[in-house]
Amino acid sequence: MDLSYEVFRSLIDTDPIPHVVINELPVGVEMVDLAKDTKVVSLQDFHDDMVAEDGCVVIVSNSAQHTELQSRHPVLYFNIETKADPAAVAPDNLSCKDILHGDGSLQVLDIRRTDEVENFGKLPHSVNIPLHELLGQLNSGKHSEELTTILTTKKPVVTCCRTQRRAGFTAYLLMSIGVPNVRFVYKGACGCAEEPGSGTLCYPSYELGETVPKSCHAS
């Protein structure tokens, strides 16, 4: 899946999902600015075990013709010649209180991992598609019933995660592929934990495979 400039920058700048960058730029062509701790490898040195189970691969090149990488992880592509869209608008947020009193007029997409949802709950009537699975489905074109609902609904779509980092990125991503009227939950599940009837608990960030933390109060 090819990324727009705005979605790529959101991915790199906010780090919403574990990722490895493959540098496919010719010798002498400078890599775009990346976060200091971003893992960057050549195509020859890459192997799937470098990527977390809930992560993705980002191939950076300077051509629309890129190498098709076979991986068990979602593979995203960014051409450094891609320009920023001057008409692009950053996604807005929506409070949990507005969502809980939305009377079913909103389609809420929770993109946290399954273990997070099972351990700490989710908003009523929300659909859960973990971010790495969402990217994988968009990448393959094989959409689940839940994703088909998100892509075709007439309702405004609101993305949700633990705080709002993954949800903000996902809102950008959905907007870039033509989903209209996408917003994200302000402060995510942790913010919603303060609202009666939300069904969510706040909890510290943890990686897949780590010990599940105890719930906590939102900071």
N, C-alpha and C. Protein backbone atom coordinates (compact mmCIF):
# COMPACT_ATOMS: atom_id res chain seq x y z
N MET A 1 0.85 -1.18 0.00
CA MET A 1 0.00 0.00 0.00
C MET A 1 0.89 1.24 0.00
N ASP A 2 0.63 2.14 -0.92
CA ASP A 2 1.40 3.38 -1.02
C ASP A 2 0.85 4.41 -0.04
N LEU A 3 1.77 5.10 0.64
CA LEU A 3 1.38 6.08 1.64
C LEU A 3 1.46 7.49 1.08
N SER A 4 0.51 8.32 1.46
CA SER A 4 0.60 9.74 1.14
C SER A 4 1.68 10.36 2.02
N TYR A 5 2.09 11.57 1.68
CA TYR A 5 3.10 12.26 2.48
C TYR A 5 2.62 12.43 3.91
N GLU A 6 1.35 12.82 4.07
CA GLU A 6 0.82 13.10 5.40
C GLU A 6 0.74 11.84 6.26
N VAL A 7 0.33 10.72 5.68
CA VAL A 7 0.23 9.47 6.43
C VAL A 7 1.62 8.97 6.80
N PHE A 8 2.58 9.07 5.87
CA PHE A 8 3.95 8.66 6.15
C PHE A 8 4.54 9.47 7.31
N ARG A 9 4.36 10.79 7.27
CA ARG A 9 4.91 11.63 8.33
C ARG A 9 4.25 11.31 9.66
N SER A 10 2.94 11.04 9.66
CA SER A 10 2.25 10.68 10.88
C SER A 10 2.81 9.38 11.45
N LEU A 11 3.09 8.42 10.57
CA LEU A 11 3.66 7.14 10.99
C LEU A 11 5.05 7.34 11.60
N ILE A 12 5.89 8.10 10.92
CA ILE A 12 7.28 8.28 11.37
C ILE A 12 7.35 9.17 12.61
N ASP A 13 6.56 10.22 12.64
CA ASP A 13 6.67 11.21 13.72
C ASP A 13 6.00 10.77 15.01
N THR A 14 4.92 9.98 14.92
CA THR A 14 4.20 9.60 16.14
C THR A 14 4.43 8.15 16.54
N ASP A 15 5.01 7.34 15.66
CA ASP A 15 5.34 5.95 15.96
C ASP A 15 4.14 5.18 16.53
N PRO A 16 3.04 5.10 15.78
CA PRO A 16 1.84 4.47 16.31
C PRO A 16 1.87 2.94 16.27
N ILE A 17 2.80 2.39 15.53
CA ILE A 17 2.88 0.93 15.36
C ILE A 17 4.35 0.55 15.19
N PRO A 18 4.79 -0.56 15.79
CA PRO A 18 6.19 -0.97 15.59
C PRO A 18 6.48 -1.14 14.10
N HIS A 19 7.60 -0.61 13.64
CA HIS A 19 7.89 -0.71 12.21
C HIS A 19 9.39 -0.74 11.96
N VAL A 20 9.75 -1.38 10.84
CA VAL A 20 11.11 -1.39 10.35
C VAL A 20 11.10 -0.73 8.98
N VAL A 21 12.05 0.18 8.75
CA VAL A 21 12.16 0.87 7.46
C VAL A 21 13.21 0.17 6.61
N ILE A 22 12.83 -0.17 5.38
CA ILE A 22 13.78 -0.71 4.41
C ILE A 22 14.20 0.41 3.47
N ASN A 23 15.48 0.67 3.43
CA ASN A 23 16.02 1.73 2.57
C ASN A 23 16.30 1.17 1.18
N GLU A 24 15.46 1.56 0.22
CA GLU A 24 15.65 1.11 -1.16
C GLU A 24 16.08 2.27 -2.05
N LEU A 25 16.66 3.30 -1.45
CA LEU A 25 17.12 4.46 -2.20
C LEU A 25 18.47 4.16 -2.85
N PRO A 26 18.71 4.70 -4.05
CA PRO A 26 20.01 4.51 -4.69
C PRO A 26 21.13 5.17 -3.87
N VAL A 27 22.34 4.70 -4.06
CA VAL A 27 23.50 5.29 -3.39
C VAL A 27 23.58 6.78 -3.74
N GLY A 28 23.76 7.60 -2.74
CA GLY A 28 23.86 9.04 -2.96
C GLY A 28 22.57 9.79 -2.74
N VAL A 29 21.44 9.06 -2.65
CA VAL A 29 20.15 9.70 -2.40
C VAL A 29 19.90 9.66 -0.89
N GLU A 30 19.70 10.83 -0.31
CA GLU A 30 19.58 10.93 1.14
C GLU A 30 18.21 10.44 1.65
N MET A 31 18.24 9.71 2.74
CA MET A 31 17.02 9.24 3.38
C MET A 31 16.26 10.42 4.00
N VAL A 32 14.95 10.34 3.99
CA VAL A 32 14.12 11.37 4.62
C VAL A 32 14.35 11.34 6.13
N ASP A 33 13.96 12.42 6.80
CA ASP A 33 14.11 12.49 8.25
C ASP A 33 13.29 11.40 8.94
N LEU A 34 13.94 10.67 9.83
CA LEU A 34 13.28 9.61 10.58
C LEU A 34 13.53 9.84 12.07
N ALA A 35 12.70 9.24 12.89
CA ALA A 35 12.94 9.29 14.33
C ALA A 35 14.29 8.64 14.64
N LYS A 36 14.94 9.12 15.69
CA LYS A 36 16.31 8.72 16.00
C LYS A 36 16.45 7.21 16.19
N ASP A 37 15.47 6.57 16.79
CA ASP A 37 15.58 5.15 17.10
C ASP A 37 14.93 4.25 16.06
N THR A 38 14.58 4.81 14.89
CA THR A 38 13.98 3.99 13.83
C THR A 38 14.98 2.96 13.31
N LYS A 39 14.55 1.71 13.22
CA LYS A 39 15.42 0.67 12.68
C LYS A 39 15.36 0.72 11.16
N VAL A 40 16.52 0.94 10.52
CA VAL A 40 16.61 1.05 9.06
C VAL A 40 17.57 -0.02 8.55
N VAL A 41 17.13 -0.80 7.58
CA VAL A 41 17.97 -1.86 7.01
C VAL A 41 17.86 -1.83 5.49
N SER A 42 18.76 -2.52 4.83
CA SER A 42 18.66 -2.68 3.39
C SER A 42 17.72 -3.84 3.09
N LEU A 43 17.27 -3.91 1.85
CA LEU A 43 16.38 -5.00 1.44
C LEU A 43 17.09 -6.34 1.60
N GLN A 44 18.39 -6.37 1.30
CA GLN A 44 19.14 -7.62 1.37
C GLN A 44 19.28 -8.11 2.82
N ASP A 45 19.36 -7.18 3.76
CA ASP A 45 19.57 -7.56 5.16
C ASP A 45 18.27 -7.80 5.92
N PHE A 46 17.14 -7.47 5.31
CA PHE A 46 15.88 -7.58 6.02
C PHE A 46 15.43 -9.03 6.17
N HIS A 47 14.87 -9.34 7.34
CA HIS A 47 14.14 -10.60 7.51
C HIS A 47 12.97 -10.35 8.45
N ASP A 48 11.95 -11.17 8.32
CA ASP A 48 10.68 -10.94 9.00
C ASP A 48 10.80 -10.87 10.52
N ASP A 49 11.77 -11.60 11.08
CA ASP A 49 11.90 -11.65 12.53
C ASP A 49 12.34 -10.31 13.12
N MET A 50 12.73 -9.37 12.28
CA MET A 50 13.10 -8.03 12.76
C MET A 50 11.87 -7.24 13.22
N VAL A 51 10.70 -7.66 12.76
CA VAL A 51 9.48 -6.89 12.97
C VAL A 51 8.65 -7.52 14.08
N ALA A 52 8.12 -6.70 14.97
CA ALA A 52 7.24 -7.20 16.03
C ALA A 52 6.00 -7.83 15.41
N GLU A 53 5.40 -8.77 16.12
CA GLU A 53 4.24 -9.49 15.59
C GLU A 53 3.10 -8.56 15.23
N ASP A 54 2.99 -7.44 15.94
CA ASP A 54 1.93 -6.47 15.64
C ASP A 54 2.48 -5.26 14.91
N GLY A 55 3.58 -5.47 14.14
CA GLY A 55 4.24 -4.37 13.45
C GLY A 55 4.05 -4.40 11.94
N CYS A 56 4.79 -3.53 11.27
CA CYS A 56 4.71 -3.44 9.80
C CYS A 56 6.08 -3.09 9.24
N VAL A 57 6.17 -3.17 7.92
CA VAL A 57 7.39 -2.85 7.18
C VAL A 57 7.11 -1.63 6.31
N VAL A 58 8.06 -0.70 6.25
CA VAL A 58 7.92 0.49 5.40
C VAL A 58 9.10 0.53 4.44
N ILE A 59 8.83 0.41 3.15
CA ILE A 59 9.88 0.49 2.14
C ILE A 59 9.94 1.91 1.59
N VAL A 60 11.09 2.54 1.72
CA VAL A 60 11.28 3.91 1.24
C VAL A 60 12.14 3.88 -0.02
N SER A 61 11.61 4.46 -1.10
CA SER A 61 12.33 4.49 -2.37
C SER A 61 12.13 5.87 -3.01
N ASN A 62 12.70 6.05 -4.19
CA ASN A 62 12.47 7.30 -4.92
C ASN A 62 11.81 7.03 -6.26
N SER A 63 11.03 5.97 -6.29
CA SER A 63 10.37 5.58 -7.53
C SER A 63 9.00 5.00 -7.23
N ALA A 64 8.08 5.20 -8.17
CA ALA A 64 6.76 4.58 -8.03
C ALA A 64 6.85 3.09 -8.30
N GLN A 65 7.93 2.65 -8.94
CA GLN A 65 8.14 1.23 -9.20
C GLN A 65 9.01 0.67 -8.08
N HIS A 66 8.40 -0.05 -7.14
CA HIS A 66 9.14 -0.52 -6.00
C HIS A 66 9.15 -2.05 -5.95
N THR A 67 10.06 -2.57 -5.17
CA THR A 67 10.17 -4.01 -5.01
C THR A 67 8.97 -4.56 -4.24
N GLU A 68 8.36 -5.60 -4.75
CA GLU A 68 7.25 -6.24 -4.05
C GLU A 68 7.83 -7.23 -3.05
N LEU A 69 7.74 -6.88 -1.78
CA LEU A 69 8.30 -7.72 -0.73
C LEU A 69 7.27 -8.69 -0.20
N GLN A 70 7.64 -9.96 -0.10
CA GLN A 70 6.77 -10.96 0.50
C GLN A 70 7.07 -11.03 1.99
N SER A 71 6.10 -10.74 2.80
CA SER A 71 6.29 -10.73 4.24
C SER A 71 4.99 -11.13 4.93
N ARG A 72 5.11 -11.67 6.14
CA ARG A 72 3.90 -11.98 6.90
C ARG A 72 3.34 -10.72 7.57
N HIS A 73 4.08 -9.63 7.48
CA HIS A 73 3.65 -8.36 8.05
C HIS A 73 3.12 -7.44 6.94
N PRO A 74 2.28 -6.47 7.29
CA PRO A 74 1.85 -5.49 6.29
C PRO A 74 3.06 -4.74 5.73
N VAL A 75 3.08 -4.55 4.42
CA VAL A 75 4.18 -3.83 3.77
C VAL A 75 3.64 -2.53 3.20
N LEU A 76 4.21 -1.42 3.64
CA LEU A 76 3.80 -0.10 3.19
C LEU A 76 4.94 0.51 2.37
N TYR A 77 4.57 1.35 1.42
CA TYR A 77 5.56 1.94 0.53
C TYR A 77 5.46 3.46 0.57
N PHE A 78 6.64 4.11 0.56
CA PHE A 78 6.66 5.56 0.47
C PHE A 78 7.72 5.99 -0.53
N ASN A 79 7.29 6.79 -1.49
CA ASN A 79 8.17 7.38 -2.51
C ASN A 79 8.57 8.77 -2.03
N ILE A 80 9.88 9.02 -1.85
CA ILE A 80 10.31 10.31 -1.31
C ILE A 80 10.01 11.48 -2.25
N GLU A 81 9.63 11.17 -3.48
CA GLU A 81 9.23 12.23 -4.40
C GLU A 81 7.78 12.68 -4.16
N THR A 82 7.07 11.96 -3.30
CA THR A 82 5.69 12.31 -2.99
C THR A 82 5.64 13.65 -2.27
N LYS A 83 4.81 14.55 -2.76
CA LYS A 83 4.72 15.89 -2.18
C LYS A 83 3.58 15.99 -1.18
N ALA A 84 3.73 16.91 -0.26
CA ALA A 84 2.65 17.19 0.69
C ALA A 84 1.46 17.76 -0.06
N ASP A 85 0.27 17.41 0.37
CA ASP A 85 -0.96 17.93 -0.24
C ASP A 85 -1.34 19.22 0.49
N PRO A 86 -1.27 20.36 -0.20
CA PRO A 86 -1.60 21.63 0.47
C PRO A 86 -3.04 21.70 0.95
N ALA A 87 -3.90 20.84 0.40
CA ALA A 87 -5.31 20.85 0.80
C ALA A 87 -5.60 19.84 1.91
N ALA A 88 -4.58 19.08 2.31
CA ALA A 88 -4.79 18.06 3.34
C ALA A 88 -5.14 18.71 4.67
N VAL A 89 -6.09 18.13 5.35
CA VAL A 89 -6.55 18.64 6.65
C VAL A 89 -6.31 17.57 7.71
N ALA A 90 -5.72 17.96 8.83
CA ALA A 90 -5.50 17.01 9.91
C ALA A 90 -6.83 16.58 10.50
N PRO A 91 -6.96 15.31 10.87
CA PRO A 91 -8.22 14.84 11.47
C PRO A 91 -8.50 15.53 12.79
N ASP A 92 -9.76 15.78 13.06
CA ASP A 92 -10.18 16.42 14.30
C ASP A 92 -10.49 15.33 15.33
N ASN A 93 -10.65 15.74 16.58
CA ASN A 93 -10.98 14.77 17.62
C ASN A 93 -12.40 14.98 18.14
N LEU A 94 -12.86 14.01 18.88
CA LEU A 94 -14.22 14.05 19.44
C LEU A 94 -14.13 13.53 20.88
N SER A 95 -14.82 14.18 21.79
CA SER A 95 -14.76 13.75 23.19
C SER A 95 -15.53 12.46 23.40
N CYS A 96 -15.14 11.73 24.41
CA CYS A 96 -15.83 10.49 24.73
C CYS A 96 -17.28 10.76 25.12
N LYS A 97 -17.51 11.86 25.80
CA LYS A 97 -18.87 12.20 26.21
C LYS A 97 -19.77 12.35 24.99
N ASP A 98 -19.25 13.01 23.94
CA ASP A 98 -20.05 13.17 22.71
C ASP A 98 -20.33 11.83 22.06
N ILE A 99 -19.36 10.91 22.13
CA ILE A 99 -19.54 9.59 21.53
C ILE A 99 -20.59 8.78 22.29
N LEU A 100 -20.51 8.81 23.62
CA LEU A 100 -21.43 8.03 24.44
C LEU A 100 -22.87 8.54 24.32
N HIS A 101 -23.01 9.81 23.98
CA HIS A 101 -24.35 10.37 23.82
C HIS A 101 -24.71 10.56 22.35
N GLY A 102 -24.01 9.80 21.49
CA GLY A 102 -24.23 9.96 20.05
C GLY A 102 -25.43 9.20 19.52
N ASP A 103 -26.10 8.41 20.38
CA ASP A 103 -27.32 7.70 19.99
C ASP A 103 -27.12 6.83 18.74
N GLY A 104 -25.93 6.22 18.62
CA GLY A 104 -25.69 5.31 17.50
C GLY A 104 -25.43 6.00 16.18
N SER A 105 -25.22 7.32 16.21
CA SER A 105 -25.02 8.06 14.96
C SER A 105 -23.57 8.02 14.48
N LEU A 106 -22.68 7.40 15.28
CA LEU A 106 -21.27 7.32 14.93
C LEU A 106 -20.83 5.86 14.79
N GLN A 107 -19.86 5.62 13.91
CA GLN A 107 -19.26 4.29 13.79
C GLN A 107 -17.88 4.35 14.43
N VAL A 108 -17.73 3.69 15.58
CA VAL A 108 -16.47 3.74 16.32
C VAL A 108 -15.60 2.54 15.96
N LEU A 109 -14.36 2.82 15.59
CA LEU A 109 -13.39 1.79 15.22
C LEU A 109 -12.28 1.78 16.26
N ASP A 110 -12.20 0.72 17.04
CA ASP A 110 -11.15 0.56 18.04
C ASP A 110 -10.01 -0.22 17.41
N ILE A 111 -8.82 0.40 17.33
CA ILE A 111 -7.72 -0.25 16.61
C ILE A 111 -6.63 -0.76 17.57
N ARG A 112 -7.00 -0.93 18.84
CA ARG A 112 -6.06 -1.55 19.78
C ARG A 112 -5.95 -3.05 19.52
N ARG A 113 -4.89 -3.64 20.07
CA ARG A 113 -4.73 -5.09 19.94
C ARG A 113 -5.86 -5.81 20.67
N THR A 114 -6.11 -7.05 20.27
CA THR A 114 -7.18 -7.84 20.89
C THR A 114 -6.96 -8.01 22.38
N ASP A 115 -5.71 -8.21 22.80
CA ASP A 115 -5.44 -8.41 24.22
C ASP A 115 -5.76 -7.15 25.03
N GLU A 116 -5.55 -5.99 24.46
CA GLU A 116 -5.87 -4.74 25.15
C GLU A 116 -7.38 -4.62 25.37
N VAL A 117 -8.12 -4.94 24.32
CA VAL A 117 -9.59 -4.84 24.41
C VAL A 117 -10.13 -5.87 25.40
N GLU A 118 -9.60 -7.09 25.35
CA GLU A 118 -10.08 -8.14 26.26
C GLU A 118 -9.79 -7.81 27.71
N ASN A 119 -8.67 -7.18 27.97
CA ASN A 119 -8.27 -6.90 29.35
C ASN A 119 -8.82 -5.58 29.90
N PHE A 120 -9.10 -4.62 29.01
CA PHE A 120 -9.45 -3.28 29.51
C PHE A 120 -10.73 -2.71 28.91
N GLY A 121 -11.46 -3.53 28.13
CA GLY A 121 -12.77 -3.12 27.64
C GLY A 121 -12.72 -2.19 26.44
N LYS A 122 -13.90 -1.96 25.87
CA LYS A 122 -14.02 -1.05 24.73
C LYS A 122 -15.34 -0.32 24.79
N LEU A 123 -15.46 0.73 23.99
CA LEU A 123 -16.67 1.54 23.98
C LEU A 123 -17.86 0.73 23.47
N PRO A 124 -19.05 1.00 23.97
CA PRO A 124 -20.24 0.27 23.51
C PRO A 124 -20.42 0.39 21.99
N HIS A 125 -20.76 -0.73 21.36
CA HIS A 125 -21.09 -0.77 19.92
C HIS A 125 -19.89 -0.47 19.01
N SER A 126 -18.68 -0.47 19.56
CA SER A 126 -17.51 -0.21 18.72
C SER A 126 -17.05 -1.50 18.03
N VAL A 127 -16.39 -1.34 16.91
CA VAL A 127 -15.82 -2.45 16.15
C VAL A 127 -14.32 -2.49 16.43
N ASN A 128 -13.78 -3.67 16.69
CA ASN A 128 -12.35 -3.80 16.96
C ASN A 128 -11.62 -4.46 15.80
N ILE A 129 -10.71 -3.69 15.17
CA ILE A 129 -9.79 -4.24 14.18
C ILE A 129 -8.39 -3.74 14.58
N PRO A 130 -7.56 -4.59 15.16
CA PRO A 130 -6.21 -4.15 15.54
C PRO A 130 -5.49 -3.48 14.37
N LEU A 131 -4.70 -2.46 14.68
CA LEU A 131 -4.08 -1.66 13.62
C LEU A 131 -3.27 -2.48 12.65
N HIS A 132 -2.49 -3.44 13.14
CA HIS A 132 -1.68 -4.22 12.20
C HIS A 132 -2.56 -5.09 11.30
N GLU A 133 -3.70 -5.55 11.82
CA GLU A 133 -4.63 -6.31 10.99
C GLU A 133 -5.33 -5.40 9.98
N LEU A 134 -5.66 -4.20 10.40
CA LEU A 134 -6.26 -3.22 9.49
C LEU A 134 -5.33 -2.93 8.32
N LEU A 135 -4.05 -2.70 8.63
CA LEU A 135 -3.07 -2.44 7.57
C LEU A 135 -2.93 -3.65 6.65
N GLY A 136 -2.93 -4.83 7.25
CA GLY A 136 -2.81 -6.05 6.45
C GLY A 136 -3.98 -6.24 5.51
N GLN A 137 -5.19 -5.96 5.98
CA GLN A 137 -6.37 -6.09 5.12
C GLN A 137 -6.38 -5.06 4.01
N LEU A 138 -6.01 -3.84 4.33
CA LEU A 138 -5.96 -2.79 3.30
C LEU A 138 -4.87 -3.13 2.28
N ASN A 139 -3.78 -3.70 2.76
CA ASN A 139 -2.65 -4.04 1.90
C ASN A 139 -3.02 -5.16 0.93
N SER A 140 -3.75 -6.15 1.42
CA SER A 140 -4.08 -7.32 0.60
C SER A 140 -5.35 -7.13 -0.24
N GLY A 141 -6.19 -6.18 0.18
CA GLY A 141 -7.47 -5.99 -0.50
C GLY A 141 -8.53 -6.97 -0.04
N LYS A 142 -8.18 -7.85 0.90
CA LYS A 142 -9.12 -8.82 1.45
C LYS A 142 -9.71 -8.25 2.74
N HIS A 143 -10.91 -7.69 2.63
CA HIS A 143 -11.50 -6.97 3.74
C HIS A 143 -12.46 -7.84 4.54
N SER A 144 -12.33 -7.77 5.85
CA SER A 144 -13.27 -8.47 6.72
C SER A 144 -14.60 -7.75 6.69
N GLU A 145 -15.62 -8.40 7.24
CA GLU A 145 -16.94 -7.78 7.32
C GLU A 145 -16.89 -6.48 8.11
N GLU A 146 -16.08 -6.48 9.18
CA GLU A 146 -15.94 -5.28 10.00
C GLU A 146 -15.31 -4.14 9.22
N LEU A 147 -14.25 -4.42 8.46
CA LEU A 147 -13.60 -3.36 7.69
C LEU A 147 -14.51 -2.87 6.57
N THR A 148 -15.22 -3.78 5.94
CA THR A 148 -16.16 -3.38 4.89
C THR A 148 -17.19 -2.40 5.46
N THR A 149 -17.64 -2.65 6.67
CA THR A 149 -18.58 -1.74 7.32
C THR A 149 -17.96 -0.36 7.48
N ILE A 150 -16.71 -0.31 7.93
CA ILE A 150 -16.02 0.97 8.14
C ILE A 150 -15.86 1.73 6.83
N LEU A 151 -15.54 1.02 5.77
CA LEU A 151 -15.25 1.67 4.48
C LEU A 151 -16.52 2.10 3.75
N THR A 152 -17.66 1.52 4.11
CA THR A 152 -18.89 1.81 3.36
C THR A 152 -19.96 2.53 4.18
N THR A 153 -19.75 2.68 5.48
CA THR A 153 -20.77 3.28 6.32
C THR A 153 -21.06 4.73 5.93
N LYS A 154 -22.29 5.14 6.13
CA LYS A 154 -22.68 6.53 5.90
C LYS A 154 -22.48 7.36 7.16
N LYS A 155 -22.19 6.67 8.28
CA LYS A 155 -21.98 7.37 9.54
C LYS A 155 -20.56 7.95 9.61
N PRO A 156 -20.36 9.02 10.37
CA PRO A 156 -19.00 9.47 10.64
C PRO A 156 -18.23 8.37 11.38
N VAL A 157 -16.96 8.17 11.00
CA VAL A 157 -16.12 7.16 11.63
C VAL A 157 -15.24 7.83 12.68
N VAL A 158 -15.18 7.21 13.86
CA VAL A 158 -14.33 7.72 14.94
C VAL A 158 -13.38 6.62 15.36
N THR A 159 -12.08 6.87 15.28
CA THR A 159 -11.09 5.86 15.65
C THR A 159 -10.70 6.01 17.11
N CYS A 160 -10.36 4.89 17.75
CA CYS A 160 -10.04 4.90 19.18
C CYS A 160 -8.87 3.97 19.47
N CYS A 161 -7.99 4.39 20.39
CA CYS A 161 -6.91 3.52 20.87
C CYS A 161 -6.75 3.75 22.37
N ARG A 162 -5.58 3.49 22.93
CA ARG A 162 -5.39 3.67 24.37
C ARG A 162 -5.38 5.14 24.75
N THR A 163 -4.60 5.93 24.01
CA THR A 163 -4.56 7.38 24.23
C THR A 163 -5.16 8.05 23.00
N GLN A 164 -4.33 8.41 22.02
CA GLN A 164 -4.88 8.89 20.75
C GLN A 164 -3.84 8.85 19.64
N ARG A 165 -2.67 8.29 19.93
CA ARG A 165 -1.59 8.26 18.95
C ARG A 165 -1.92 7.35 17.77
N ARG A 166 -2.26 6.10 18.05
CA ARG A 166 -2.62 5.16 16.98
C ARG A 166 -3.90 5.60 16.27
N ALA A 167 -4.85 6.13 17.05
CA ALA A 167 -6.13 6.54 16.48
C ALA A 167 -5.95 7.74 15.54
N GLY A 168 -5.07 8.67 15.91
CA GLY A 168 -4.82 9.82 15.03
C GLY A 168 -4.21 9.39 13.71
N PHE A 169 -3.24 8.47 13.78
CA PHE A 169 -2.64 7.94 12.55
C PHE A 169 -3.67 7.23 11.69
N THR A 170 -4.50 6.40 12.32
CA THR A 170 -5.51 5.65 11.58
C THR A 170 -6.53 6.58 10.93
N ALA A 171 -6.89 7.64 11.61
CA ALA A 171 -7.81 8.62 11.02
C ALA A 171 -7.19 9.23 9.77
N TYR A 172 -5.92 9.61 9.84
CA TYR A 172 -5.20 10.13 8.67
C TYR A 172 -5.21 9.10 7.53
N LEU A 173 -4.94 7.85 7.89
CA LEU A 173 -4.88 6.78 6.89
C LEU A 173 -6.23 6.60 6.20
N LEU A 174 -7.30 6.52 6.96
CA LEU A 174 -8.63 6.32 6.37
C LEU A 174 -9.03 7.51 5.50
N MET A 175 -8.70 8.71 5.95
CA MET A 175 -9.00 9.90 5.14
C MET A 175 -8.25 9.83 3.81
N SER A 176 -7.01 9.32 3.84
CA SER A 176 -6.19 9.30 2.63
C SER A 176 -6.72 8.33 1.58
N ILE A 177 -7.51 7.32 2.02
CA ILE A 177 -8.06 6.35 1.05
C ILE A 177 -9.52 6.65 0.73
N GLY A 178 -9.97 7.82 1.16
CA GLY A 178 -11.29 8.27 0.72
C GLY A 178 -12.43 8.10 1.68
N VAL A 179 -12.17 7.69 2.91
CA VAL A 179 -13.25 7.60 3.90
C VAL A 179 -13.55 9.01 4.40
N PRO A 180 -14.78 9.50 4.21
CA PRO A 180 -15.09 10.87 4.60
C PRO A 180 -15.39 11.00 6.09
N ASN A 181 -15.18 12.18 6.59
CA ASN A 181 -15.64 12.52 7.95
C ASN A 181 -15.10 11.56 9.01
N VAL A 182 -13.77 11.51 9.12
CA VAL A 182 -13.13 10.64 10.10
C VAL A 182 -12.53 11.50 11.22
N ARG A 183 -12.79 11.10 12.45
CA ARG A 183 -12.19 11.75 13.61
C ARG A 183 -11.64 10.69 14.56
N PHE A 184 -11.00 11.14 15.62
CA PHE A 184 -10.48 10.19 16.60
C PHE A 184 -10.91 10.60 18.00
N VAL A 185 -10.94 9.60 18.90
CA VAL A 185 -11.40 9.85 20.27
C VAL A 185 -10.33 10.61 21.05
N TYR A 186 -10.69 11.73 21.57
CA TYR A 186 -9.77 12.55 22.36
C TYR A 186 -9.35 11.79 23.62
N LYS A 187 -8.04 11.61 23.81
CA LYS A 187 -7.45 10.89 24.94
C LYS A 187 -7.78 9.40 24.97
N GLY A 188 -8.45 8.90 23.94
CA GLY A 188 -8.67 7.46 23.78
C GLY A 188 -9.39 6.78 24.92
N ALA A 189 -9.11 5.48 25.07
CA ALA A 189 -9.78 4.69 26.09
C ALA A 189 -9.46 5.19 27.49
N CYS A 190 -8.25 5.71 27.68
CA CYS A 190 -7.88 6.24 29.00
C CYS A 190 -8.73 7.45 29.36
N GLY A 191 -8.97 8.33 28.39
CA GLY A 191 -9.84 9.47 28.63
C GLY A 191 -11.27 9.03 28.85
N CYS A 192 -11.69 8.02 28.10
CA CYS A 192 -13.07 7.54 28.23
C CYS A 192 -13.31 6.84 29.57
N ALA A 193 -12.24 6.31 30.18
CA ALA A 193 -12.40 5.61 31.45
C ALA A 193 -12.99 6.51 32.53
N GLU A 194 -12.85 7.81 32.35
CA GLU A 194 -13.37 8.76 33.33
C GLU A 194 -14.88 8.99 33.16
N GLU A 195 -15.44 8.50 32.05
CA GLU A 195 -16.86 8.72 31.77
C GLU A 195 -17.69 7.50 32.18
N PRO A 196 -18.76 7.70 32.97
CA PRO A 196 -19.62 6.57 33.35
C PRO A 196 -20.22 5.89 32.11
N GLY A 197 -20.21 4.57 32.13
CA GLY A 197 -20.82 3.82 31.04
C GLY A 197 -19.93 3.62 29.83
N SER A 198 -18.67 4.04 29.90
CA SER A 198 -17.79 3.90 28.74
C SER A 198 -17.37 2.45 28.51
N GLY A 199 -17.28 1.67 29.60
CA GLY A 199 -16.85 0.28 29.48
C GLY A 199 -15.36 0.12 29.32
N THR A 200 -14.58 1.21 29.49
CA THR A 200 -13.14 1.13 29.31
C THR A 200 -12.40 1.45 30.60
N LEU A 201 -11.18 0.91 30.73
CA LEU A 201 -10.28 1.21 31.82
C LEU A 201 -9.01 1.83 31.25
N CYS A 202 -8.36 2.67 32.04
CA CYS A 202 -7.07 3.22 31.62
C CYS A 202 -5.96 2.28 32.06
N TYR A 203 -4.86 2.24 31.32
CA TYR A 203 -3.77 1.33 31.65
C TYR A 203 -2.47 1.84 31.02
N PRO A 204 -1.33 1.48 31.60
CA PRO A 204 -0.05 1.89 31.02
C PRO A 204 0.20 1.19 29.69
N SER A 205 1.01 1.82 28.87
CA SER A 205 1.39 1.21 27.59
C SER A 205 2.22 -0.05 27.84
N TYR A 206 1.97 -1.08 27.03
CA TYR A 206 2.78 -2.30 27.11
C TYR A 206 2.80 -2.94 25.73
N GLU A 207 3.84 -3.71 25.48
CA GLU A 207 4.01 -4.36 24.19
C GLU A 207 3.44 -5.77 24.21
N LEU A 208 3.13 -6.28 23.04
CA LEU A 208 2.63 -7.65 22.91
C LEU A 208 3.66 -8.62 23.48
N GLY A 209 3.21 -9.51 24.35
CA GLY A 209 4.11 -10.48 24.96
C GLY A 209 4.60 -10.07 26.33
N GLU A 210 4.46 -8.80 26.69
CA GLU A 210 4.85 -8.33 28.02
C GLU A 210 3.74 -8.64 29.03
N THR A 211 4.09 -8.58 30.31
CA THR A 211 3.10 -8.80 31.36
C THR A 211 2.01 -7.73 31.27
N VAL A 212 0.77 -8.16 31.33
CA VAL A 212 -0.35 -7.21 31.26
C VAL A 212 -0.37 -6.36 32.53
N PRO A 213 -0.33 -5.04 32.39
CA PRO A 213 -0.29 -4.18 33.58
C PRO A 213 -1.66 -4.06 34.24
N LYS A 214 -1.66 -3.50 35.43
CA LYS A 214 -2.91 -3.21 36.11
C LYS A 214 -3.47 -1.90 35.57
N SER A 215 -4.79 -1.76 35.66
CA SER A 215 -5.41 -0.50 35.23
C SER A 215 -4.97 0.62 36.14
N CYS A 216 -5.07 1.85 35.64
CA CYS A 216 -4.62 3.00 36.39
C CYS A 216 -5.51 4.19 36.07
N HIS A 217 -5.27 5.31 36.73
CA HIS A 217 -6.01 6.53 36.43
C HIS A 217 -5.31 7.27 35.30
N ALA A 218 -6.10 7.92 34.45
CA ALA A 218 -5.51 8.70 33.35
C ALA A 218 -4.72 9.86 33.94
N SER A 219 -3.56 10.13 33.36
CA SER A 219 -2.74 11.24 33.85
C SER A 219 -3.18 12.54 33.21
